[in-house]
Amino acid sequence: MWRLLLALLMMSAVCCESELFRDHLRTPEAVATINGLKKGMQVPQQQQEPQHIQSIPLPTIPTLPPLQSPGLVNGLATKSDPSSLKKPLPAAYSSTYVDLPISDQIAKSVFNFANYLGQHLGYKKTEIFSPLSIVNSLALLLLGARGRSYQELSAVFGISDTSRLHEQFGIMLQDLLQPTREGISPGRPLTNWRASSPMRSNRRAQRPGAHEVHLANGLFTQTGYSLNPDYRRVIAMVYGSDLEVQDFEGSPATARYNINSWVARNTKNRIENIISSDIPQSTRMILANALYFKAFWETDFIESATRPDNFYPNGEGTEPVVRVQMMATGGSYPYHEDHELGCKIIGLPYRGNLSTMYIIQPFKSSVVELMTLQKRLTPEKVEDLISRMYRRQALVAFPKMHLTESVNLKTVMQKMGLGGIFSTVQNDLSLIATNEVSRTSSLGGNSLQNLEAQRRAGAGGAQSDLVVDDIVHKVDFTVNEQGTEAAASTVTYLKKSGPDVLFRGDTPFMVLVRHDPTKLVLFYGLINEPPAAV
C-alpha cells in the first residue's frame, strides 16, 4: 500500500507605497517613504503603453496515518546550498530539442490540475500547494502504470505519446534547475512583457541574489526486491533519481532515518521527518521527490513601510475585517486588466529573469467573486492574461504572510477521477516492479520505448502489489519583504508623473509562482484571508 506526504514551505516578500495605506495610517514616516518612492518613479512612460488603465482604488488581492507498503516521498523546500543539493538532471538520456507544443501542453496540464484541485479542496481561509511537486510524482507513477492506472494518470497530461511526454518533462525540469537564463534550452521564448518592456535600469533590481530551484528524486527499495530495469533506468536518466537499497523488513527505523535525512538534505533542512511514523515491514519501495525554491524580488519591498492595515474577505469596506501586516513598494511592474473576466493581474518578478509571482484579483474582489473567477480560468485564459501584460508604474500593497496547512488529497483525487490508483483491484503499477523474486533484464536500447512495448503487451504478465494508499500534502508559505522561499515534500508509500496603477492586496486573490521560460506553475494559492497581524 502507499502513503504520500507532501510538505511545502515557501517564503515570499513584497513592499508598497504611500497611497496604498489608509488615511489613518499615513504617519509622517510612511508619507516620507512614499514620497521618496514617487520621486524615484517620475520617469517617462513607454510609448506603447495603453491610453487607459483605470487606476484601481486599492482593491484587494484574493488572494502519516501509518505508512503502508510501498510509498512515494515528494519534498519541496526553500533554502539551499547548491553544493549539497541535487545536481542537474543527467543529459545522457534527454535530447536538447525542445518540442514547444508538448512542453506547453505539459505546463497547461500542471495549471489545469492545480485549478481543478483548488476547486475540489473546498472553501478555506487559504489554499497553497505545489502542483508541480504533485504532478511530478504522478509522472513517476504514470511511467510504471498500465491498464486503468495508466488511463487515469495519462488523462492528467492529455498527451498520448507518453515517451515524448517524459522526454520533454525531463527537459523542462532540467531547465527549471538553471540559475540563469543562459542555461535554459534554446527555443523557449521570452514572456511577452519581458521581451517588450524590459526592466529599466534599477540599482536595486541589479543587485546579486540567488534564484535557486533544486529538484531531487529518490527511489528506495527493499533489499532483494527486483525492479523493472527499464523503469529503473528511465527514472535515473530522465528524472535524475537517486537509487538506494533499504532494509524495510529488518531495520525499518534505520530506513526511515535514511529517507528523512535524504529529504532534509535535499531541502536544506526545510523538510524534516517527512516520515513521522514507523515504516511497515511490508514496504517494498518508497519514491521520493524534493523541490526547493528560493528567489529575491527584482524590486525589493521597503521593510520600514510595512504597516498594520485591513483585509476584507467579503469585499472592501465590509465586515469582518482582518488586521494584517501590509507591505508596500513602488516601481515598474507587468500589469493587465481584463474586463471580460472582470479581473486584474500584476506580476512581481524575481531577480534573474526566470520566475514571477503573478497575483490575479477580481475587480471587486471577495471570497465569492474569487471562487467565480477561479471556475472561469483555464490554462489558455491565464496564458492570454500574461501575454497581454506590460510594465506600468505601480504602487503595490501586499500582505505579509506565513501560511501553514495540511491537506489529505486521497478523497479529492478520487473525485478528480484518479481513484484507480488507490484500489487494490483496479491498480496496476506492474511496470515499476512485480511480485516476482527476479525479473528478466532489459532488452537494451531506449528504455522509454521498452516500457511502452511492455505496456502495449497488456495483461498476462506478473501483477504488482504496489498500491497508492493515501496522499497528504503539507504546506508552509511565507511572504515577506525580501523575496520568496518555498519548500514542499510529498511522500507516497508503495505497498504616469505618478503611478499608473494602485494595486492593493486587501481583498481575496490568487497567487501563481511560475517559472516563465517553461511556464511551469511551482506554487498555486487562493488567499481568502491572510493570517492576522501578531
Protein backbone atom coordinates (compact mmCIF):
# COMPACT_ATOMS: atom_id res chain seq x y z
CA MET A 1 0.00 0.00 0.00
CA TRP A 2 1.07 3.58 -0.49
CA ARG A 3 1.00 6.71 1.51
CA LEU A 4 2.09 10.08 0.13
CA LEU A 5 3.10 13.07 2.21
CA LEU A 6 3.72 16.41 0.55
CA ALA A 7 5.14 19.25 2.61
CA LEU A 8 5.59 22.68 1.11
CA LEU A 9 7.47 25.63 2.56
CA MET A 10 7.56 28.97 0.88
CA MET A 11 8.77 32.44 1.75
CA SER A 12 7.78 35.47 -0.28
CA ALA A 13 8.14 39.21 0.23
CA VAL A 14 6.59 42.43 -1.01
CA CYS A 15 6.52 46.19 -0.20
CA CYS A 16 4.20 49.05 -1.10
CA GLU A 17 3.93 52.84 -1.24
CA SER A 18 2.02 55.63 0.39
CA GLU A 19 -1.40 55.85 -1.18
CA LEU A 20 -1.68 52.16 -0.61
CA PHE A 21 -2.19 52.84 3.06
CA ARG A 22 -5.40 54.07 4.60
CA ASP A 23 -5.51 57.71 5.76
CA HIS A 24 -5.21 56.95 9.45
CA LEU A 25 -2.02 55.02 8.76
CA ARG A 26 -0.26 57.83 6.89
CA THR A 27 2.26 58.67 9.55
CA PRO A 28 4.99 61.22 8.73
CA GLU A 29 7.45 58.37 8.34
CA ALA A 30 5.20 56.48 5.95
CA VAL A 31 4.46 59.61 3.90
CA ALA A 32 8.16 60.40 3.64
CA THR A 33 8.85 56.86 2.44
CA ILE A 34 6.14 57.06 -0.19
CA ASN A 35 7.14 60.47 -1.43
CA GLY A 36 10.61 59.11 -1.95
CA LEU A 37 9.19 56.23 -3.93
CA LYS A 38 7.10 58.54 -6.08
CA LYS A 39 10.03 60.80 -6.82
CA GLY A 40 12.05 57.81 -7.97
CA MET A 41 9.23 56.75 -10.25
CA GLN A 42 9.00 60.04 -12.17
CA VAL A 43 10.22 58.61 -15.45
CA PRO A 44 8.74 58.91 -18.95
CA GLN A 45 6.17 56.32 -19.81
CA GLN A 46 6.91 53.88 -22.58
CA GLN A 47 5.41 54.75 -25.93
CA GLN A 48 3.43 51.57 -26.35
CA GLU A 49 1.54 51.82 -23.08
CA PRO A 50 -2.25 51.81 -23.43
CA GLN A 51 -4.06 55.05 -23.15
CA HIS A 52 -6.40 53.94 -20.40
CA ILE A 53 -5.94 51.77 -17.45
CA GLN A 54 -8.23 52.94 -14.78
CA SER A 55 -6.48 53.50 -11.50
CA ILE A 56 -7.70 50.85 -9.15
CA PRO A 57 -8.99 52.16 -5.85
CA LEU A 58 -6.67 49.91 -3.99
CA PRO A 59 -8.65 46.70 -4.42
CA THR A 60 -7.56 43.63 -2.59
CA ILE A 61 -5.74 40.51 -3.61
CA PRO A 62 -7.64 37.22 -3.11
CA THR A 63 -5.65 36.22 -2.68
CA LEU A 64 1.06 9.64 8.13
CA PRO A 65 -1.61 7.66 9.47
CA PRO A 66 0.59 4.55 9.45
CA LEU A 67 2.51 4.14 6.22
CA GLN A 68 1.58 1.17 4.13
CA SER A 69 3.87 -0.82 1.88
CA PRO A 70 5.45 0.75 -1.00
CA GLY A 71 5.48 4.52 -0.84
CA LEU A 72 6.45 7.74 -2.52
CA VAL A 73 8.09 10.70 -0.86
CA ASN A 74 7.95 14.05 -2.60
CA GLY A 75 9.61 17.02 -0.95
CA LEU A 76 9.86 20.71 -1.77
CA ALA A 77 12.00 23.13 0.22
CA THR A 78 13.31 26.65 0.15
CA LYS A 79 16.79 27.27 1.42
CA SER A 80 19.69 25.52 -0.11
CA ASP A 81 23.37 25.26 -0.72
CA PRO A 82 23.94 24.37 -4.37
CA SER A 83 26.83 22.11 -3.47
CA SER A 84 24.70 19.99 -1.18
CA LEU A 85 21.59 19.68 -3.34
CA LYS A 86 20.65 17.57 -6.30
CA LYS A 87 22.75 18.20 -9.37
CA PRO A 88 21.06 19.00 -12.68
CA LEU A 89 19.29 16.12 -14.33
CA PRO A 90 21.68 13.96 -16.36
CA ALA A 91 21.85 14.86 -20.01
CA ALA A 92 22.64 11.35 -21.18
CA TYR A 93 19.05 10.48 -21.86
CA SER A 94 17.41 13.75 -22.80
CA SER A 95 17.75 15.39 -26.16
CA THR A 96 18.35 19.12 -26.32
CA TYR A 97 15.41 19.58 -28.68
CA VAL A 98 12.52 21.46 -27.12
CA ASP A 99 9.15 20.44 -28.50
CA LEU A 100 7.22 23.60 -27.64
CA PRO A 101 3.71 22.21 -28.31
CA ILE A 102 4.36 19.26 -25.98
CA SER A 103 6.14 21.47 -23.46
CA ASP A 104 3.28 23.97 -23.43
CA GLN A 105 0.75 21.16 -23.05
CA ILE A 106 2.62 19.85 -20.00
CA ALA A 107 2.63 23.33 -18.47
CA LYS A 108 -1.09 23.68 -19.18
CA SER A 109 -1.70 20.29 -17.59
CA VAL A 110 0.10 21.39 -14.42
CA PHE A 111 -2.05 24.53 -14.15
CA ASN A 112 -5.21 22.68 -15.07
CA PHE A 113 -4.50 20.11 -12.36
CA ALA A 114 -3.82 22.91 -9.88
CA ASN A 115 -7.01 24.79 -10.69
CA TYR A 116 -9.12 21.65 -10.62
CA LEU A 117 -7.57 20.55 -7.34
CA GLY A 118 -8.11 24.02 -5.90
CA GLN A 119 -11.81 23.87 -6.75
CA HIS A 120 -12.19 20.45 -5.13
CA LEU A 121 -10.46 21.40 -1.91
CA GLY A 122 -13.49 23.47 -0.92
CA TYR A 123 -13.59 26.83 0.81
CA LYS A 124 -10.77 27.61 3.19
CA LYS A 125 -9.25 30.78 4.51
CA THR A 126 -6.27 29.98 2.34
CA GLU A 127 -5.12 27.27 -0.03
CA ILE A 128 -1.49 26.91 -1.04
CA PHE A 129 0.18 23.91 -2.64
CA SER A 130 2.77 22.93 -5.24
CA PRO A 131 1.07 21.48 -8.33
CA LEU A 132 4.45 20.81 -9.94
CA SER A 133 5.52 18.69 -6.99
CA ILE A 134 2.32 16.63 -7.06
CA VAL A 135 2.27 16.26 -10.86
CA ASN A 136 5.93 15.23 -10.88
CA SER A 137 5.00 12.41 -8.51
CA LEU A 138 2.11 11.41 -10.77
CA ALA A 139 4.50 11.33 -13.74
CA LEU A 140 6.69 8.81 -11.91
CA LEU A 141 3.60 6.67 -11.32
CA LEU A 142 2.47 7.07 -14.94
CA LEU A 143 5.84 5.82 -16.11
CA GLY A 144 5.25 2.48 -14.42
CA ALA A 145 1.48 2.15 -14.88
CA ARG A 146 -0.72 0.27 -17.27
CA GLY A 147 -4.39 -0.60 -17.54
CA ARG A 148 -6.79 1.66 -15.68
CA SER A 149 -3.99 3.26 -13.68
CA TYR A 150 -2.31 4.30 -16.91
CA GLN A 151 -5.55 5.66 -18.38
CA GLU A 152 -6.32 7.77 -15.33
CA LEU A 153 -2.82 9.14 -14.91
CA SER A 154 -2.33 9.88 -18.62
CA ALA A 155 -5.56 11.91 -18.55
CA VAL A 156 -3.80 14.36 -16.21
CA PHE A 157 -1.41 15.25 -19.03
CA GLY A 158 -3.60 14.81 -22.10
CA ILE A 159 -0.65 13.60 -24.20
CA SER A 160 -0.98 10.26 -25.98
CA ASP A 161 2.74 9.91 -26.75
CA THR A 162 3.97 9.20 -23.23
CA SER A 163 7.56 8.67 -24.37
CA ARG A 164 7.60 12.21 -25.70
CA LEU A 165 5.83 13.39 -22.55
CA HIS A 166 8.56 12.03 -20.27
CA GLU A 167 11.36 13.26 -22.53
CA GLN A 168 10.00 16.79 -22.65
CA PHE A 169 9.03 16.87 -18.97
CA GLY A 170 12.60 15.83 -18.16
CA ILE A 171 13.97 18.70 -20.27
CA MET A 172 11.57 21.15 -18.60
CA LEU A 173 12.67 20.04 -15.15
CA GLN A 174 16.29 20.36 -16.21
CA ASP A 175 15.62 23.92 -17.42
CA LEU A 176 13.83 24.64 -14.16
CA LEU A 177 17.06 23.99 -12.26
CA GLN A 178 19.10 26.53 -14.21
CA PRO A 179 20.15 29.59 -12.17
CA THR A 180 20.32 31.94 -15.18
CA ARG A 181 18.51 32.49 -18.46
CA GLU A 182 21.65 31.48 -20.35
CA GLY A 183 21.34 27.91 -19.09
CA ILE A 184 17.80 27.44 -20.43
CA SER A 185 17.37 25.22 -23.51
CA PRO A 186 17.31 27.15 -26.79
CA GLY A 187 13.87 27.63 -28.27
CA ARG A 188 11.99 28.79 -25.20
CA PRO A 189 10.68 32.29 -25.98
CA LEU A 190 10.65 35.15 -23.51
CA THR A 191 7.37 36.05 -21.88
CA ASN A 192 5.89 38.94 -23.86
CA TRP A 193 6.16 41.54 -21.11
CA ARG A 194 9.83 40.67 -20.56
CA ALA A 195 10.59 40.97 -24.28
CA SER A 196 8.55 44.14 -24.99
CA SER A 197 9.18 46.12 -21.80
CA PRO A 198 12.39 45.09 -20.09
CA MET A 199 13.18 46.40 -16.64
CA ARG A 200 14.63 49.89 -16.72
CA SER A 201 17.99 50.35 -15.12
CA ASN A 202 17.46 49.95 -11.42
CA ARG A 203 20.31 49.53 -9.00
CA ARG A 204 18.16 47.57 -6.55
CA ALA A 205 16.97 45.18 -9.27
CA GLN A 206 20.50 44.52 -10.47
CA ARG A 207 21.87 43.50 -7.08
CA PRO A 208 23.10 39.91 -6.98
CA GLY A 209 20.64 37.48 -5.47
CA ALA A 210 20.17 33.77 -5.61
CA HIS A 211 17.50 32.29 -7.83
CA GLU A 212 17.61 28.70 -6.69
CA VAL A 213 15.46 25.82 -7.81
CA HIS A 214 16.57 22.32 -6.84
CA LEU A 215 14.76 19.14 -7.74
CA ALA A 216 15.74 15.72 -6.41
CA ASN A 217 14.13 12.32 -6.87
CA GLY A 218 14.97 9.26 -4.82
CA LEU A 219 14.00 5.60 -5.17
CA PHE A 220 14.46 3.47 -2.05
CA THR A 221 13.89 -0.25 -2.49
CA GLN A 222 13.77 -3.27 -0.19
CA THR A 223 16.89 -5.39 -0.16
CA GLY A 224 16.48 -8.16 -2.73
CA TYR A 225 13.37 -6.61 -4.31
CA SER A 226 13.60 -6.61 -8.09
CA LEU A 227 12.68 -3.50 -10.06
CA ASN A 228 11.91 -3.34 -13.76
CA PRO A 229 15.36 -2.45 -15.17
CA ASP A 230 13.82 -0.20 -17.83
CA TYR A 231 11.86 1.73 -15.20
CA ARG A 232 15.00 1.96 -13.08
CA ARG A 233 16.99 3.31 -15.99
CA VAL A 234 14.41 5.91 -17.07
CA ILE A 235 13.86 7.41 -13.63
CA ALA A 236 17.63 7.74 -13.27
CA MET A 237 18.29 9.25 -16.67
CA VAL A 238 15.14 11.31 -17.31
CA TYR A 239 14.16 12.29 -13.78
CA GLY A 240 17.63 12.15 -12.20
CA SER A 241 16.63 9.79 -9.41
CA ASP A 242 18.98 8.54 -6.73
CA LEU A 243 18.71 4.78 -6.24
CA GLU A 244 19.31 3.35 -2.77
CA VAL A 245 18.65 -0.02 -1.10
CA GLN A 246 16.99 -0.07 2.34
CA ASP A 247 16.07 -2.92 4.66
CA PHE A 248 12.43 -2.06 5.44
CA GLU A 249 11.83 -5.56 6.79
CA GLY A 250 14.81 -5.91 9.08
CA SER A 251 15.57 -2.29 10.02
CA PRO A 252 12.53 -0.06 9.33
CA ALA A 253 13.71 2.58 11.83
CA THR A 254 17.06 2.89 10.05
CA ALA A 255 15.29 3.09 6.69
CA ARG A 256 13.05 5.88 7.97
CA TYR A 257 16.05 7.78 9.31
CA ASN A 258 17.90 7.44 5.99
CA ILE A 259 14.94 8.64 3.92
CA ASN A 260 14.18 11.53 6.26
CA SER A 261 17.85 12.53 6.08
CA TRP A 262 17.75 12.39 2.28
CA VAL A 263 14.71 14.67 2.15
CA ALA A 264 16.17 17.07 4.72
CA ARG A 265 19.48 17.21 2.87
CA ASN A 266 17.79 17.96 -0.45
CA THR A 267 15.56 20.65 1.06
CA LYS A 268 18.31 22.27 3.13
CA ASN A 269 16.56 21.06 6.29
CA ARG A 270 13.32 22.83 5.43
CA ILE A 271 11.54 19.47 5.44
CA GLU A 272 12.42 17.30 8.40
CA ASN A 273 10.90 14.00 9.50
CA ILE A 274 8.80 13.68 6.36
CA ILE A 275 8.09 10.14 7.53
CA SER A 276 6.90 10.64 11.08
CA SER A 277 5.54 7.18 11.81
CA ASP A 278 7.03 3.70 11.55
CA ILE A 279 7.50 2.27 8.09
CA PRO A 280 5.60 -1.03 7.77
CA GLN A 281 7.87 -4.03 7.33
CA SER A 282 5.84 -4.96 4.24
CA THR A 283 7.09 -1.85 2.41
CA ARG A 284 8.96 -2.71 -0.76
CA MET A 285 9.68 0.73 -2.22
CA ILE A 286 9.48 4.43 -1.45
CA LEU A 287 9.73 7.05 -4.17
CA ALA A 288 10.89 10.47 -3.02
CA ASN A 289 10.78 13.88 -4.68
CA ALA A 290 12.23 17.04 -3.14
CA LEU A 291 11.81 20.50 -4.67
CA TYR A 292 13.44 23.64 -3.29
CA PHE A 293 12.80 27.22 -4.47
CA LYS A 294 14.27 30.49 -3.31
CA ALA A 295 14.30 33.85 -5.07
CA PHE A 296 14.60 37.55 -4.36
CA TRP A 297 12.35 40.27 -5.69
CA GLU A 298 13.53 42.24 -8.70
CA THR A 299 12.45 45.34 -6.75
CA ASP A 300 12.59 44.91 -3.01
CA PHE A 301 9.76 45.84 -0.72
CA ILE A 302 10.58 48.53 1.80
CA GLU A 303 10.76 46.97 5.21
CA SER A 304 10.19 50.25 7.03
CA ALA A 305 6.98 50.82 5.04
CA THR A 306 5.22 47.71 6.40
CA ARG A 307 2.20 48.78 8.48
CA PRO A 308 -0.90 47.18 10.00
CA ASP A 309 -3.88 47.50 7.64
CA ASN A 310 -7.28 45.98 6.95
CA PHE A 311 -8.02 42.93 4.82
CA TYR A 312 -11.62 42.43 3.69
CA PRO A 313 -12.52 38.78 2.93
CA ASN A 314 -16.08 39.73 1.85
CA GLY A 315 -15.15 42.81 -0.14
CA GLU A 316 -13.67 46.22 0.54
CA GLY A 317 -15.42 48.11 3.31
CA THR A 318 -17.32 45.07 4.63
CA GLU A 319 -17.22 43.16 7.87
CA PRO A 320 -15.50 41.21 9.25
CA VAL A 321 -12.14 42.92 8.94
CA VAL A 322 -8.83 41.11 9.42
CA ARG A 323 -5.86 43.19 10.52
CA VAL A 324 -2.74 42.18 8.62
CA GLN A 325 0.80 43.42 8.16
CA MET A 326 0.65 45.20 4.78
CA MET A 327 3.90 45.62 2.86
CA ALA A 328 4.44 48.31 0.25
CA THR A 329 6.64 49.16 -2.69
CA GLY A 330 6.63 51.06 -5.96
CA GLY A 331 8.24 50.55 -9.32
CA SER A 332 7.75 49.18 -12.81
CA TYR A 333 5.61 46.02 -12.78
CA PRO A 334 3.92 43.95 -15.50
CA TYR A 335 0.19 44.61 -15.31
CA HIS A 336 -3.04 44.00 -17.22
CA GLU A 337 -6.77 44.45 -16.71
CA ASP A 338 -9.26 42.09 -18.36
CA HIS A 339 -12.79 43.45 -18.38
CA GLU A 340 -14.25 40.31 -19.90
CA LEU A 341 -13.01 38.21 -16.99
CA GLY A 342 -13.51 41.08 -14.57
CA CYS A 343 -10.05 40.87 -13.07
CA LYS A 344 -6.60 42.38 -12.98
CA ILE A 345 -3.21 40.70 -12.88
CA ILE A 346 0.10 42.07 -11.66
CA GLY A 347 3.46 40.33 -11.76
CA LEU A 348 6.09 40.57 -9.04
CA PRO A 349 9.24 39.41 -10.85
CA TYR A 350 12.18 37.77 -9.17
CA ARG A 351 15.75 38.68 -9.99
CA GLY A 352 17.32 36.68 -12.76
CA ASN A 353 14.61 36.96 -15.44
CA LEU A 354 13.29 33.48 -14.68
CA SER A 355 10.34 33.37 -12.30
CA THR A 356 7.43 35.62 -11.34
CA MET A 357 4.74 35.70 -8.70
CA TYR A 358 1.51 36.56 -10.52
CA ILE A 359 -1.37 37.96 -8.47
CA ILE A 360 -4.84 37.63 -10.05
CA GLN A 361 -7.65 39.55 -8.36
CA PRO A 362 -11.28 40.28 -9.31
CA PHE A 363 -12.08 43.98 -9.69
CA LYS A 364 -14.49 43.91 -6.77
CA SER A 365 -12.97 41.00 -5.01
CA SER A 366 -14.48 38.86 -2.28
CA VAL A 367 -14.40 35.16 -1.41
CA VAL A 368 -17.42 34.58 -3.67
CA GLU A 369 -16.02 36.63 -6.56
CA LEU A 370 -12.68 34.83 -6.40
CA MET A 371 -14.39 31.42 -6.46
CA THR A 372 -16.39 32.52 -9.51
CA LEU A 373 -13.26 33.73 -11.27
CA GLN A 374 -11.38 30.55 -10.41
CA LYS A 375 -14.02 28.43 -12.17
CA ARG A 376 -13.73 30.57 -15.32
CA LEU A 377 -9.95 30.42 -15.54
CA THR A 378 -8.36 27.94 -17.90
CA PRO A 379 -4.69 27.48 -18.82
CA GLU A 380 -5.40 29.28 -22.09
CA LYS A 381 -7.03 32.24 -20.34
CA VAL A 382 -4.21 32.58 -17.83
CA GLU A 383 -1.65 32.43 -20.63
CA ASP A 384 -3.62 35.10 -22.50
CA LEU A 385 -3.67 37.31 -19.40
CA ILE A 386 0.10 37.00 -19.01
CA SER A 387 0.73 37.56 -22.72
CA ARG A 388 -1.14 40.89 -22.54
CA MET A 389 0.83 42.26 -19.61
CA TYR A 390 3.32 45.09 -19.96
CA ARG A 391 5.18 47.17 -17.41
CA ARG A 392 3.41 50.07 -15.73
CA GLN A 393 4.49 52.37 -12.94
CA ALA A 394 2.70 50.97 -9.92
CA LEU A 395 2.27 51.34 -6.19
CA VAL A 396 1.76 47.91 -4.66
CA ALA A 397 0.45 46.90 -1.24
CA PHE A 398 0.64 43.22 -0.39
CA PRO A 399 0.05 41.34 2.87
CA LYS A 400 2.96 39.79 4.70
CA MET A 401 2.06 36.15 5.20
CA HIS A 402 3.14 32.93 6.79
CA LEU A 403 0.66 30.20 5.91
CA THR A 404 0.71 26.58 7.00
CA GLU A 405 -1.80 23.87 6.23
CA SER A 406 -2.12 20.14 5.73
CA VAL A 407 -4.46 18.58 3.19
CA ASN A 408 -5.39 14.93 2.71
CA LEU A 409 -5.67 14.50 -1.05
CA LYS A 410 -6.95 10.93 -1.37
CA THR A 411 -10.65 11.79 -1.33
CA VAL A 412 -10.12 14.87 -3.52
CA MET A 413 -8.13 12.95 -6.11
CA GLN A 414 -10.73 10.19 -6.19
CA LYS A 415 -13.31 12.86 -7.05
CA MET A 416 -10.96 14.11 -9.74
CA GLY A 417 -11.03 10.71 -11.46
CA LEU A 418 -7.84 9.25 -10.02
CA GLY A 419 -9.49 6.60 -7.86
CA GLY A 420 -7.99 3.59 -9.61
CA ILE A 421 -4.51 4.07 -8.16
CA PHE A 422 -5.99 3.70 -4.65
CA SER A 423 -7.76 0.42 -5.47
CA THR A 424 -6.18 -2.97 -4.81
CA VAL A 425 -8.38 -4.39 -7.58
CA GLN A 426 -8.04 -1.73 -10.29
CA ASN A 427 -4.50 -0.50 -9.66
CA ASP A 428 -1.69 -1.74 -11.92
CA LEU A 429 1.82 -0.39 -11.39
CA SER A 430 3.46 -3.58 -12.61
CA LEU A 431 5.90 -1.75 -14.90
CA ILE A 432 7.62 -0.43 -11.76
CA ALA A 433 8.03 -3.80 -10.11
CA THR A 434 6.17 -7.09 -9.69
CA ASN A 435 5.81 -9.78 -7.08
CA GLU A 436 8.39 -11.85 -8.90
CA VAL A 437 11.58 -12.63 -6.99
CA SER A 438 13.61 -11.75 -10.05
CA ARG A 439 12.87 -10.07 -13.32
CA THR A 440 14.29 -10.53 -16.76
CA SER A 441 16.82 -7.94 -17.79
CA SER A 442 16.07 -5.07 -20.13
CA LEU A 443 16.14 -5.66 -23.85
CA GLY A 444 18.58 -2.77 -24.07
CA GLY A 445 18.23 0.28 -26.28
CA ASN A 446 15.73 3.01 -25.42
CA SER A 447 14.18 2.14 -22.07
CA LEU A 448 11.24 4.51 -22.60
CA GLN A 449 10.36 2.62 -25.76
CA ASN A 450 10.84 -0.67 -23.92
CA LEU A 451 8.36 0.43 -21.25
CA GLU A 452 5.85 1.40 -23.94
CA ALA A 453 6.26 -2.01 -25.56
CA GLN A 454 5.66 -3.71 -22.19
CA ARG A 455 2.60 -1.54 -21.63
CA ARG A 456 1.16 -2.42 -25.04
CA ALA A 457 1.69 -6.10 -24.28
CA GLY A 458 -1.22 -5.70 -21.86
CA ALA A 459 -2.42 -8.29 -19.42
CA GLY A 460 -0.78 -11.63 -18.95
CA GLY A 461 2.36 -10.51 -17.17
CA ALA A 462 3.03 -10.65 -13.49
CA GLN A 463 0.88 -8.41 -11.32
CA SER A 464 2.20 -5.76 -8.96
CA ASP A 465 1.43 -5.42 -5.27
CA LEU A 466 2.10 -1.68 -5.33
CA VAL A 467 -0.99 0.36 -4.43
CA VAL A 468 -1.38 4.05 -3.56
CA ASP A 469 -2.87 4.16 -0.08
CA ASP A 470 -3.13 7.88 0.57
CA ILE A 471 -1.73 11.31 -0.27
CA VAL A 472 -1.12 14.00 2.31
CA HIS A 473 0.02 17.48 1.29
CA LYS A 474 1.62 19.83 3.83
CA VAL A 475 2.32 23.46 3.05
CA ASP A 476 4.24 26.30 4.68
CA PHE A 477 4.12 29.56 2.73
CA THR A 478 5.79 32.81 3.76
CA VAL A 479 5.60 36.23 2.10
CA ASN A 480 7.93 38.95 3.34
CA GLU A 481 9.85 41.99 2.13
CA GLN A 482 12.87 40.21 0.65
CA GLY A 483 11.54 37.55 -1.70
CA THR A 484 10.06 34.07 -1.85
CA GLU A 485 11.29 30.91 -0.28
CA ALA A 486 9.32 27.71 -0.51
CA ALA A 487 9.62 24.06 0.27
CA ALA A 488 7.29 21.17 -0.30
CA SER A 489 7.59 17.49 0.24
CA THR A 490 5.40 14.64 -0.89
CA VAL A 491 5.56 11.12 0.37
CA THR A 492 3.70 8.21 -1.16
CA TYR A 493 4.25 4.69 0.10
CA LEU A 494 4.15 1.77 -2.27
CA LYS A 495 2.80 -1.05 -0.67
CA LYS A 496 2.49 58.49 -15.49
CA SER A 497 4.32 61.66 -13.37
CA GLY A 498 2.90 59.50 -10.77
CA PRO A 499 1.97 55.83 -10.76
CA ASP A 500 -0.42 54.44 -13.39
CA VAL A 501 -1.63 51.69 -11.10
CA LEU A 502 -2.51 51.43 -7.44
CA PHE A 503 -2.70 47.76 -6.53
CA ARG A 504 -3.86 46.74 -3.06
CA GLY A 505 -3.87 43.18 -1.83
CA ASP A 506 -6.52 43.76 0.80
CA THR A 507 -9.20 41.52 -0.69
CA PRO A 508 -9.09 37.84 -1.83
CA PHE A 509 -6.69 36.95 -4.65
CA MET A 510 -4.99 34.07 -6.47
CA VAL A 511 -1.22 33.52 -6.34
CA LEU A 512 0.75 31.75 -9.07
CA VAL A 513 4.52 31.38 -8.73
CA ARG A 514 5.59 30.49 -12.25
CA HIS A 515 8.85 29.60 -13.93
CA ASP A 516 8.38 31.77 -17.02
CA PRO A 517 10.68 30.00 -19.53
CA THR A 518 8.89 26.65 -19.09
CA LYS A 519 5.55 28.15 -17.88
CA LEU A 520 5.51 25.59 -15.05
CA VAL A 521 3.49 26.66 -12.01
CA LEU A 522 5.58 25.95 -8.92
CA PHE A 523 3.01 27.19 -6.40
CA TYR A 524 -0.71 27.85 -6.57
CA GLY A 525 -2.62 29.67 -3.88
CA LEU A 526 -6.02 31.13 -3.08
CA ILE A 527 -5.72 33.75 -0.36
CA ASN A 528 -9.16 34.41 1.09
CA GLU A 529 -7.91 35.51 4.48
CA PRO A 530 -4.23 36.04 5.30
CA PRO A 531 -3.06 35.41 8.85
CA ALA A 532 -3.80 38.22 11.23
CA ALA A 533 -1.01 40.55 12.30
CA VAL A 534 0.68 39.49 15.51
